[in-house]
């Protein structure tokens, strides 16, 4: 596996506790991250900042647009179509998990996040 310091992840999460949890988990893997609290901020990081990301973790319920809309933008972008997106949500049900995977998310995690399975899945995706 490549050096994790070479990888950067964008976390799109409006909840401060969720942001703190992701920071702790990614720090455990020694992976740097940027945090966007809305889709508008995520759009800036992804499409205007020039920063290269190796994955994006997206909360499905965000204040401006939802995570599904952001995934559509990523998939439609010529240089980002293969960027792995991981869905997280507090509004979990099995149908939602299936819809997320079919929509193109590489993984789906209900909140509260199970740290062990999340880290294992993230390492597999990266």
Protein backbone atom coordinates (compact mmCIF):
# COMPACT_ATOMS: atom_id res chain seq x y z
CA UNK A 1 0.00 0.00 0.00
CA UNK A 2 1.21 3.51 -0.79
CA UNK A 3 2.22 5.88 1.95
CA UNK A 4 -1.01 7.26 3.41
CA UNK A 5 0.51 10.74 3.77
CA UNK A 6 0.45 10.86 -0.04
CA UNK A 7 -3.32 10.40 0.00
CA UNK A 8 -5.87 13.05 0.88
CA UNK A 9 -9.56 12.57 1.59
CA UNK A 10 -12.35 15.10 1.44
CA UNK A 11 -14.96 14.69 4.18
CA UNK A 12 -18.31 16.30 3.39
CA UNK A 13 -20.10 16.42 6.74
CA UNK A 14 -22.08 19.25 8.35
CA UNK A 15 -22.25 17.71 11.83
CA UNK A 16 -19.34 18.75 14.09
CA UNK A 17 -19.34 15.42 15.94
CA UNK A 18 -19.23 13.60 12.60
CA UNK A 19 -16.34 15.79 11.47
CA UNK A 20 -14.45 15.04 14.71
CA UNK A 21 -15.04 11.30 14.35
CA UNK A 22 -13.74 11.30 10.76
CA UNK A 23 -10.69 13.31 11.83
CA UNK A 24 -9.95 10.73 14.53
CA UNK A 25 -10.44 7.76 12.21
CA UNK A 26 -8.37 9.20 9.36
CA UNK A 27 -5.66 10.29 11.80
CA UNK A 28 -5.50 6.66 12.94
CA UNK A 29 -4.60 5.72 9.35
CA UNK A 30 -2.31 8.76 9.04
CA UNK A 31 -4.38 10.14 6.14
CA UNK A 32 -4.70 13.92 5.77
CA UNK A 33 -8.17 15.35 5.13
CA UNK A 34 -10.09 18.47 4.27
CA UNK A 35 -13.57 19.09 5.65
CA UNK A 36 -16.50 20.64 3.81
CA UNK A 37 -19.63 21.44 5.81
CA UNK A 38 -21.83 21.75 2.72
CA UNK A 39 -22.03 20.70 -0.91
CA UNK A 40 -21.03 24.24 -1.94
CA UNK A 41 -17.79 23.94 0.06
CA UNK A 42 -17.21 20.44 -1.34
CA UNK A 43 -17.65 21.77 -4.87
CA UNK A 44 -14.96 24.35 -4.18
CA UNK A 45 -12.53 21.74 -2.81
CA UNK A 46 -13.22 19.25 -5.61
CA UNK A 47 -13.59 21.44 -8.68
CA UNK A 48 -11.75 24.70 -7.96
CA UNK A 49 -9.01 24.23 -5.37
CA UNK A 50 -6.68 22.14 -7.54
CA UNK A 51 -6.27 19.69 -4.64
CA UNK A 52 -6.18 16.02 -5.64
CA UNK A 53 -8.32 13.70 -3.51
CA UNK A 54 -8.09 9.92 -3.32
CA UNK A 55 -11.59 9.48 -1.90
CA UNK A 56 -14.54 11.53 -0.71
CA UNK A 57 -16.69 10.66 2.29
CA UNK A 58 -20.16 12.16 1.88
CA UNK A 59 -22.96 12.55 4.41
CA UNK A 60 -26.16 11.99 2.45
CA UNK A 61 -28.10 14.69 4.37
CA UNK A 62 -26.48 18.11 3.98
CA UNK A 63 -27.85 21.63 4.47
CA UNK A 64 -27.74 22.91 0.87
CA UNK A 65 -27.89 19.98 -1.55
CA UNK A 66 -27.76 16.32 -0.62
CA UNK A 67 -24.98 13.76 -0.98
CA UNK A 68 -26.72 12.16 -3.96
CA UNK A 69 -26.47 15.42 -5.92
CA UNK A 70 -22.79 15.75 -5.08
CA UNK A 71 -22.16 12.16 -6.21
CA UNK A 72 -23.88 12.95 -9.53
CA UNK A 73 -21.61 15.95 -10.04
CA UNK A 74 -18.51 13.87 -9.25
CA UNK A 75 -19.59 11.08 -11.61
CA UNK A 76 -20.34 13.57 -14.40
CA UNK A 77 -16.98 15.37 -14.07
CA UNK A 78 -14.47 14.16 -16.70
CA UNK A 79 -11.53 14.10 -14.27
CA UNK A 80 -13.39 12.81 -11.19
CA UNK A 81 -15.57 9.99 -12.47
CA UNK A 82 -13.38 7.37 -10.84
CA UNK A 83 -13.02 9.15 -7.47
CA UNK A 84 -14.24 6.67 -4.83
CA UNK A 85 -17.19 8.08 -2.87
CA UNK A 86 -18.28 6.66 0.48
CA UNK A 87 -21.77 7.38 1.83
CA UNK A 88 -22.51 7.94 5.51
CA UNK A 89 -25.98 8.63 6.91
CA UNK A 90 -27.97 8.78 10.10
CA UNK A 91 -31.13 7.86 8.17
CA UNK A 92 -30.28 4.24 7.51
CA UNK A 93 -32.36 1.44 6.09
CA UNK A 94 -31.45 -1.51 3.89
CA UNK A 95 -33.15 -0.03 0.81
CA UNK A 96 -31.07 3.13 1.18
CA UNK A 97 -27.86 1.06 1.34
CA UNK A 98 -28.82 -0.70 -1.89
CA UNK A 99 -29.72 2.60 -3.61
CA UNK A 100 -26.41 4.16 -2.54
CA UNK A 101 -24.33 1.31 -3.97
CA UNK A 102 -26.37 1.28 -7.19
CA UNK A 103 -25.90 5.05 -7.52
CA UNK A 104 -22.14 4.59 -7.49
CA UNK A 105 -21.02 4.89 -3.87
CA UNK A 106 -18.17 2.41 -3.25
CA UNK A 107 -19.27 1.87 0.36
CA UNK A 108 -22.11 2.83 2.69
CA UNK A 109 -22.01 3.30 6.46
CA UNK A 110 -24.91 4.01 8.80
CA UNK A 111 -24.29 6.27 11.78
CA UNK A 112 -23.09 5.66 14.39
CA UNK A 113 -20.14 4.44 12.37
CA UNK A 114 -18.50 1.16 13.29
CA UNK A 115 -14.85 2.28 13.40
CA UNK A 116 -13.32 -1.13 12.72
CA UNK A 117 -15.35 -1.98 9.62
CA UNK A 118 -15.09 1.62 8.37
CA UNK A 119 -11.28 1.64 8.56
CA UNK A 120 -11.01 -1.81 6.99
CA UNK A 121 -13.31 -0.83 4.09
CA UNK A 122 -11.55 2.50 3.58
CA UNK A 123 -8.15 0.84 3.35
CA UNK A 124 -9.55 -1.64 0.81
CA UNK A 125 -10.94 1.22 -1.31
CA UNK A 126 -7.71 3.22 -1.22
